[in-house]
């Protein structure tokens, strides 16, 4: 019976195998097309690092790592290793300058414009390494 003035329209519902398939299958997320990815990579390759930064690494995926000239010398090798790994996944990384403000934590980088603190394990024991990283980050 068609919906009238006093009757709401009936909702279609799935039953049987179609209903169970919908519950099990995850949604499909569509990312940029291959052409869009290639165009982004070309833009990144042509775009220079901002003033004060050096482009230390450019990935074929379109990611890059820019290092500021005052980024901490002791931290640079490890942060660069982490940054390269992220850049290979298409991320845009900037290793930030040291800001000598007493009592404030210097964040290591931006990842696609968002501030990040990189942590890398220093021991072979994963549990201890995680505990140490959390303890260091809370200081």
N, C-alpha and C. Protein backbone atom coordinates (compact mmCIF):
# COMPACT_ATOMS: atom_id res chain seq x y z
N UNK A 1 0.85 -1.18 0.00
CA UNK A 1 0.00 0.00 0.00
C UNK A 1 0.89 1.23 0.00
N UNK A 2 0.72 2.19 -0.94
CA UNK A 2 1.55 3.38 -0.99
C UNK A 2 1.32 4.25 0.23
N UNK A 3 2.35 5.01 0.57
CA UNK A 3 2.26 5.89 1.73
C UNK A 3 1.29 7.01 1.42
N UNK A 4 0.41 7.24 2.35
CA UNK A 4 -0.57 8.31 2.19
C UNK A 4 -0.26 9.43 3.16
N UNK A 5 -1.22 10.33 3.31
CA UNK A 5 -1.02 11.46 4.19
C UNK A 5 -0.81 11.01 5.63
N UNK A 6 -1.55 10.01 6.05
CA UNK A 6 -1.50 9.58 7.45
C UNK A 6 -0.60 8.36 7.65
N UNK A 7 0.01 7.86 6.59
CA UNK A 7 0.82 6.65 6.72
C UNK A 7 2.26 6.95 6.32
N UNK A 8 3.22 6.63 7.19
CA UNK A 8 4.62 6.84 6.83
C UNK A 8 5.06 5.82 5.79
N UNK A 9 6.05 6.19 4.99
CA UNK A 9 6.60 5.27 4.00
C UNK A 9 7.29 4.13 4.73
N UNK A 10 7.19 2.92 4.17
CA UNK A 10 7.84 1.76 4.78
C UNK A 10 9.31 1.76 4.40
N UNK A 11 10.15 1.45 5.34
CA UNK A 11 11.59 1.35 5.12
C UNK A 11 11.89 -0.02 4.52
N UNK A 12 12.72 -0.04 3.49
CA UNK A 12 13.15 -1.32 2.93
C UNK A 12 14.17 -1.94 3.88
N UNK A 13 14.11 -3.23 4.04
CA UNK A 13 15.08 -3.89 4.89
C UNK A 13 15.60 -5.13 4.18
N UNK A 14 16.83 -5.48 4.53
CA UNK A 14 17.44 -6.67 3.96
C UNK A 14 17.30 -7.82 4.94
N UNK A 15 17.02 -8.97 4.39
CA UNK A 15 16.91 -10.16 5.23
C UNK A 15 17.66 -11.28 4.56
N UNK A 16 18.05 -12.26 5.33
CA UNK A 16 18.71 -13.43 4.77
C UNK A 16 20.18 -13.19 4.49
N UNK A 17 20.72 -13.83 3.43
CA UNK A 17 22.16 -13.76 3.14
C UNK A 17 22.67 -12.35 2.91
N UNK A 18 21.89 -11.49 2.27
CA UNK A 18 22.34 -10.13 2.01
C UNK A 18 22.57 -9.38 3.31
N UNK A 19 21.71 -9.57 4.28
CA UNK A 19 21.85 -8.91 5.57
C UNK A 19 23.10 -9.36 6.29
N UNK A 20 23.39 -10.67 6.31
CA UNK A 20 24.57 -11.16 7.00
C UNK A 20 25.85 -10.72 6.30
N UNK A 21 25.83 -10.59 4.96
CA UNK A 21 27.02 -10.12 4.23
C UNK A 21 27.33 -8.68 4.60
N UNK A 22 26.31 -7.86 4.74
CA UNK A 22 26.52 -6.46 5.09
C UNK A 22 27.15 -6.33 6.47
N UNK A 23 26.82 -7.20 7.36
CA UNK A 23 27.38 -7.12 8.71
C UNK A 23 28.86 -7.50 8.74
N UNK A 24 29.26 -8.44 7.87
CA UNK A 24 30.63 -8.95 7.92
C UNK A 24 31.62 -8.13 7.11
N UNK A 25 31.21 -7.52 6.02
CA UNK A 25 32.13 -6.84 5.14
C UNK A 25 32.38 -5.42 5.61
N UNK A 26 33.66 -5.04 5.76
CA UNK A 26 33.97 -3.67 6.19
C UNK A 26 33.67 -2.69 5.06
N UNK A 27 33.45 -1.44 5.40
CA UNK A 27 33.20 -0.45 4.36
C UNK A 27 34.46 -0.26 3.51
N UNK A 28 34.27 0.09 2.27
CA UNK A 28 35.38 0.34 1.36
C UNK A 28 35.70 1.83 1.43
N UNK A 29 36.95 2.14 1.76
CA UNK A 29 37.38 3.54 1.82
C UNK A 29 38.13 3.85 0.53
N UNK A 30 37.69 4.88 -0.15
CA UNK A 30 38.33 5.26 -1.40
C UNK A 30 39.33 6.36 -1.14
N UNK A 31 40.57 6.14 -1.53
CA UNK A 31 41.61 7.15 -1.41
C UNK A 31 41.82 7.84 -2.74
N UNK A 32 42.88 8.63 -2.82
CA UNK A 32 43.15 9.31 -4.08
C UNK A 32 43.49 8.31 -5.18
N UNK A 33 43.13 8.65 -6.39
CA UNK A 33 43.43 7.78 -7.54
C UNK A 33 44.93 7.77 -7.80
N UNK A 34 45.37 6.85 -8.64
CA UNK A 34 46.79 6.78 -8.99
C UNK A 34 47.25 8.08 -9.65
N UNK A 35 46.40 8.67 -10.47
CA UNK A 35 46.75 9.93 -11.13
C UNK A 35 46.91 11.07 -10.11
N UNK A 36 46.00 11.09 -9.11
CA UNK A 36 46.10 12.11 -8.06
C UNK A 36 47.36 11.91 -7.22
N UNK A 37 47.69 10.68 -6.91
CA UNK A 37 48.90 10.41 -6.15
C UNK A 37 50.14 10.85 -6.92
N UNK A 38 50.18 10.56 -8.22
CA UNK A 38 51.31 10.96 -9.04
C UNK A 38 51.43 12.48 -9.09
N UNK A 39 50.31 13.17 -9.23
CA UNK A 39 50.33 14.64 -9.27
C UNK A 39 50.85 15.20 -7.95
N UNK A 40 50.43 14.61 -6.82
CA UNK A 40 50.92 15.07 -5.51
C UNK A 40 52.43 14.88 -5.39
N UNK A 41 52.92 13.71 -5.85
CA UNK A 41 54.36 13.44 -5.78
C UNK A 41 55.14 14.46 -6.60
N UNK A 42 54.62 14.81 -7.78
CA UNK A 42 55.31 15.78 -8.62
C UNK A 42 55.35 17.15 -7.96
N UNK A 43 54.27 17.54 -7.30
CA UNK A 43 54.24 18.82 -6.59
C UNK A 43 55.27 18.82 -5.47
N UNK A 44 55.32 17.74 -4.69
CA UNK A 44 56.27 17.64 -3.58
C UNK A 44 57.70 17.72 -4.09
N UNK A 45 57.99 17.02 -5.18
CA UNK A 45 59.35 17.02 -5.71
C UNK A 45 59.77 18.41 -6.19
N UNK A 46 58.82 19.21 -6.65
CA UNK A 46 59.13 20.55 -7.16
C UNK A 46 59.11 21.62 -6.07
N UNK A 47 58.51 21.33 -4.93
CA UNK A 47 58.37 22.32 -3.86
C UNK A 47 59.60 22.29 -2.97
N UNK A 48 60.30 23.42 -2.83
CA UNK A 48 61.49 23.43 -1.97
C UNK A 48 61.11 23.44 -0.49
N UNK A 49 62.09 23.11 0.34
CA UNK A 49 61.89 23.18 1.79
C UNK A 49 61.73 24.65 2.19
N UNK A 50 61.00 24.92 3.28
CA UNK A 50 60.84 26.30 3.74
C UNK A 50 62.17 26.89 4.21
N UNK A 51 62.26 28.21 4.35
CA UNK A 51 63.49 28.83 4.84
C UNK A 51 63.91 28.26 6.20
N UNK A 52 65.20 27.99 6.35
CA UNK A 52 65.73 27.43 7.60
C UNK A 52 65.72 25.91 7.62
N UNK A 53 65.08 25.29 6.65
CA UNK A 53 64.99 23.83 6.57
C UNK A 53 65.77 23.32 5.36
N UNK A 54 66.23 22.09 5.47
CA UNK A 54 66.87 21.39 4.37
C UNK A 54 66.06 20.14 4.07
N UNK A 55 65.78 19.89 2.81
CA UNK A 55 65.08 18.67 2.43
C UNK A 55 66.09 17.53 2.53
N UNK A 56 65.95 16.71 3.59
CA UNK A 56 66.90 15.64 3.85
C UNK A 56 66.53 14.36 3.13
N UNK A 57 65.26 14.20 2.80
CA UNK A 57 64.82 12.95 2.19
C UNK A 57 63.52 13.19 1.44
N UNK A 58 63.42 12.62 0.26
CA UNK A 58 62.19 12.65 -0.53
C UNK A 58 61.88 11.22 -0.94
N UNK A 59 60.67 10.79 -0.68
CA UNK A 59 60.26 9.42 -0.99
C UNK A 59 59.55 9.38 -2.34
N UNK A 60 59.61 8.23 -2.97
CA UNK A 60 58.89 8.06 -4.24
C UNK A 60 57.38 8.08 -4.03
N UNK A 61 56.93 7.93 -2.77
CA UNK A 61 55.50 7.95 -2.47
C UNK A 61 54.96 9.37 -2.32
N UNK A 62 55.85 10.37 -2.40
CA UNK A 62 55.41 11.76 -2.26
C UNK A 62 55.67 12.33 -0.89
N UNK A 63 56.14 11.51 0.05
CA UNK A 63 56.48 12.01 1.38
C UNK A 63 57.87 12.63 1.37
N UNK A 64 58.16 13.38 2.43
CA UNK A 64 59.49 13.98 2.54
C UNK A 64 59.82 14.24 4.00
N UNK A 65 61.10 14.52 4.25
CA UNK A 65 61.57 14.92 5.57
C UNK A 65 62.39 16.19 5.39
N UNK A 66 61.95 17.26 6.05
CA UNK A 66 62.70 18.52 6.10
C UNK A 66 63.28 18.65 7.50
N UNK A 67 64.56 19.02 7.59
CA UNK A 67 65.22 19.16 8.88
C UNK A 67 65.59 20.62 9.09
N UNK A 68 65.19 21.18 10.23
CA UNK A 68 65.54 22.56 10.54
C UNK A 68 67.01 22.63 10.93
N UNK A 69 67.64 23.74 10.60
CA UNK A 69 69.08 23.88 10.85
C UNK A 69 69.44 23.84 12.33
N UNK A 70 68.49 24.10 13.22
CA UNK A 70 68.79 24.04 14.66
C UNK A 70 68.19 22.82 15.35
N UNK A 71 67.73 21.85 14.58
CA UNK A 71 67.21 20.62 15.20
C UNK A 71 68.33 19.97 16.00
N UNK A 72 68.01 19.40 17.14
CA UNK A 72 69.02 18.85 18.05
C UNK A 72 69.95 17.83 17.40
N UNK A 73 71.25 18.06 17.49
CA UNK A 73 72.24 17.16 16.88
C UNK A 73 72.15 15.75 17.43
N UNK A 74 71.91 15.62 18.73
CA UNK A 74 71.83 14.29 19.33
C UNK A 74 70.59 13.52 18.87
N UNK A 75 69.53 14.26 18.57
CA UNK A 75 68.27 13.62 18.17
C UNK A 75 68.16 13.39 16.67
N UNK A 76 68.87 14.15 15.87
CA UNK A 76 68.67 14.13 14.43
C UNK A 76 68.76 12.75 13.80
N UNK A 77 69.81 11.93 14.08
CA UNK A 77 69.88 10.64 13.38
C UNK A 77 68.66 9.75 13.64
N UNK A 78 68.22 9.67 14.89
CA UNK A 78 67.08 8.81 15.21
C UNK A 78 65.78 9.39 14.65
N UNK A 79 65.60 10.70 14.80
CA UNK A 79 64.38 11.33 14.27
C UNK A 79 64.33 11.26 12.75
N UNK A 80 65.49 11.35 12.10
CA UNK A 80 65.54 11.23 10.65
C UNK A 80 65.16 9.82 10.22
N UNK A 81 65.60 8.82 10.97
CA UNK A 81 65.24 7.43 10.66
C UNK A 81 63.72 7.24 10.75
N UNK A 82 63.12 7.76 11.82
CA UNK A 82 61.66 7.66 11.99
C UNK A 82 60.96 8.45 10.89
N UNK A 83 61.47 9.65 10.60
CA UNK A 83 60.87 10.49 9.56
C UNK A 83 60.91 9.84 8.19
N UNK A 84 62.03 9.18 7.85
CA UNK A 84 62.14 8.50 6.56
C UNK A 84 61.11 7.38 6.45
N UNK A 85 60.95 6.65 7.54
CA UNK A 85 59.96 5.56 7.55
C UNK A 85 58.56 6.12 7.27
N UNK A 86 58.21 7.22 7.92
CA UNK A 86 56.90 7.83 7.72
C UNK A 86 56.77 8.43 6.32
N UNK A 87 57.86 9.03 5.82
CA UNK A 87 57.84 9.63 4.49
C UNK A 87 57.62 8.56 3.42
N UNK A 88 58.16 7.36 3.65
CA UNK A 88 57.95 6.27 2.70
C UNK A 88 56.47 5.88 2.62
N UNK A 89 55.71 6.22 3.65
CA UNK A 89 54.27 5.96 3.65
C UNK A 89 53.49 7.17 3.14
N UNK A 90 54.22 8.19 2.60
CA UNK A 90 53.56 9.35 2.03
C UNK A 90 53.38 10.52 2.97
N UNK A 91 53.93 10.44 4.17
CA UNK A 91 53.77 11.51 5.16
C UNK A 91 54.74 12.66 4.88
N UNK A 92 54.34 13.87 5.28
CA UNK A 92 55.19 15.05 5.13
C UNK A 92 55.69 15.44 6.51
N UNK A 93 57.01 15.27 6.72
CA UNK A 93 57.62 15.42 8.04
C UNK A 93 58.53 16.63 8.06
N UNK A 94 58.44 17.43 9.12
CA UNK A 94 59.39 18.51 9.35
C UNK A 94 59.95 18.33 10.75
N UNK A 95 61.28 18.12 10.83
CA UNK A 95 61.95 18.05 12.13
C UNK A 95 62.16 19.49 12.60
N UNK A 96 61.62 19.80 13.76
CA UNK A 96 61.49 21.18 14.23
C UNK A 96 62.75 21.72 14.89
N UNK A 97 62.86 23.06 14.96
CA UNK A 97 64.01 23.67 15.64
C UNK A 97 63.91 23.48 17.15
N UNK A 98 65.07 23.58 17.79
CA UNK A 98 65.12 23.55 19.25
C UNK A 98 64.64 24.91 19.75
N UNK A 99 63.73 24.89 20.70
CA UNK A 99 63.23 26.14 21.31
C UNK A 99 63.65 26.13 22.77
N UNK A 100 64.67 26.90 23.11
CA UNK A 100 65.19 26.86 24.48
C UNK A 100 64.33 27.62 25.49
N UNK A 101 63.15 27.09 25.75
CA UNK A 101 62.26 27.69 26.74
C UNK A 101 62.26 26.77 27.96
N UNK A 102 62.74 27.29 29.07
CA UNK A 102 62.87 26.48 30.27
C UNK A 102 61.51 25.95 30.72
N UNK A 103 61.48 24.64 31.01
CA UNK A 103 60.27 24.00 31.50
C UNK A 103 59.33 23.51 30.41
N UNK A 104 59.63 23.84 29.17
CA UNK A 104 58.77 23.38 28.08
C UNK A 104 59.46 22.27 27.29
N UNK A 105 58.67 21.29 26.89
CA UNK A 105 59.17 20.17 26.09
C UNK A 105 59.29 20.61 24.64
N UNK A 106 60.42 20.29 24.03
CA UNK A 106 60.60 20.54 22.60
C UNK A 106 60.02 19.36 21.83
N UNK A 107 59.01 19.61 21.04
CA UNK A 107 58.46 18.54 20.21
C UNK A 107 59.39 18.33 19.02
N UNK A 108 59.47 17.08 18.57
CA UNK A 108 60.44 16.72 17.54
C UNK A 108 60.05 17.16 16.14
N UNK A 109 58.77 17.04 15.80
CA UNK A 109 58.42 17.18 14.39
C UNK A 109 56.96 17.56 14.21
N UNK A 110 56.66 17.89 12.95
CA UNK A 110 55.27 17.93 12.51
C UNK A 110 55.10 16.81 11.50
N UNK A 111 53.97 16.20 11.56
CA UNK A 111 53.62 15.12 10.63
C UNK A 111 52.34 15.56 9.94
N UNK A 112 52.45 15.92 8.69
CA UNK A 112 51.32 16.48 7.93
C UNK A 112 50.72 17.68 8.66
N UNK A 113 51.59 18.51 9.26
CA UNK A 113 51.15 19.73 9.92
C UNK A 113 50.75 19.58 11.38
N UNK A 114 50.76 18.36 11.92
CA UNK A 114 50.36 18.12 13.31
C UNK A 114 51.63 17.85 14.14
N UNK A 115 51.73 18.49 15.31
CA UNK A 115 52.91 18.32 16.16
C UNK A 115 53.02 16.91 16.71
N UNK A 116 54.26 16.36 16.69
CA UNK A 116 54.52 15.01 17.18
C UNK A 116 55.80 14.97 17.97
N UNK A 117 55.87 14.05 18.90
CA UNK A 117 57.09 13.71 19.63
C UNK A 117 57.44 12.29 19.24
N UNK A 118 58.58 12.09 18.61
CA UNK A 118 59.00 10.75 18.20
C UNK A 118 59.65 10.03 19.37
N UNK A 119 59.37 8.76 19.47
CA UNK A 119 60.00 7.90 20.49
C UNK A 119 60.53 6.66 19.80
N UNK A 120 61.73 6.26 20.17
CA UNK A 120 62.34 5.06 19.59
C UNK A 120 62.88 4.21 20.73
N UNK A 121 62.67 2.91 20.68
CA UNK A 121 63.16 2.04 21.76
C UNK A 121 64.68 2.04 21.82
N UNK A 122 65.20 2.01 23.05
CA UNK A 122 66.66 1.99 23.22
C UNK A 122 67.13 0.69 23.83
N UNK A 123 66.20 -0.19 24.20
CA UNK A 123 66.60 -1.47 24.77
C UNK A 123 65.99 -2.59 23.93
N UNK A 124 66.49 -3.79 24.11
CA UNK A 124 65.97 -4.94 23.38
C UNK A 124 64.66 -5.44 23.94
N UNK A 125 64.34 -5.06 25.16
CA UNK A 125 63.13 -5.51 25.82
C UNK A 125 61.99 -4.54 25.49
N UNK A 126 60.99 -4.98 24.76
CA UNK A 126 59.91 -4.10 24.31
C UNK A 126 59.13 -3.50 25.48
N UNK A 127 58.88 -4.29 26.52
CA UNK A 127 58.11 -3.79 27.66
C UNK A 127 58.87 -2.66 28.34
N UNK A 128 60.16 -2.87 28.60
CA UNK A 128 60.98 -1.85 29.25
C UNK A 128 61.09 -0.62 28.36
N UNK A 129 61.28 -0.82 27.07
CA UNK A 129 61.40 0.30 26.15
C UNK A 129 60.13 1.14 26.16
N UNK A 130 58.98 0.51 26.16
CA UNK A 130 57.71 1.24 26.18
C UNK A 130 57.54 2.00 27.49
N UNK A 131 57.87 1.37 28.60
CA UNK A 131 57.78 2.04 29.90
C UNK A 131 58.69 3.25 29.95
N UNK A 132 59.92 3.11 29.44
CA UNK A 132 60.87 4.22 29.45
C UNK A 132 60.40 5.35 28.56
N UNK A 133 59.84 5.02 27.39
CA UNK A 133 59.35 6.05 26.48
C UNK A 133 58.20 6.83 27.10
N UNK A 134 57.29 6.15 27.77
CA UNK A 134 56.17 6.81 28.43
C UNK A 134 56.68 7.69 29.57
N UNK A 135 57.63 7.18 30.35
CA UNK A 135 58.20 7.95 31.45
C UNK A 135 58.89 9.21 30.95
N UNK A 136 59.68 9.08 29.87
CA UNK A 136 60.37 10.24 29.30
C UNK A 136 59.40 11.27 28.75
N UNK A 137 58.35 10.81 28.12
CA UNK A 137 57.37 11.72 27.53
C UNK A 137 56.60 12.50 28.58
N UNK A 138 56.45 11.93 29.77
CA UNK A 138 55.67 12.60 30.81
C UNK A 138 56.47 13.65 31.57
N UNK A 139 57.77 13.69 31.33
CA UNK A 139 58.61 14.70 32.03
C UNK A 139 58.44 16.07 31.48
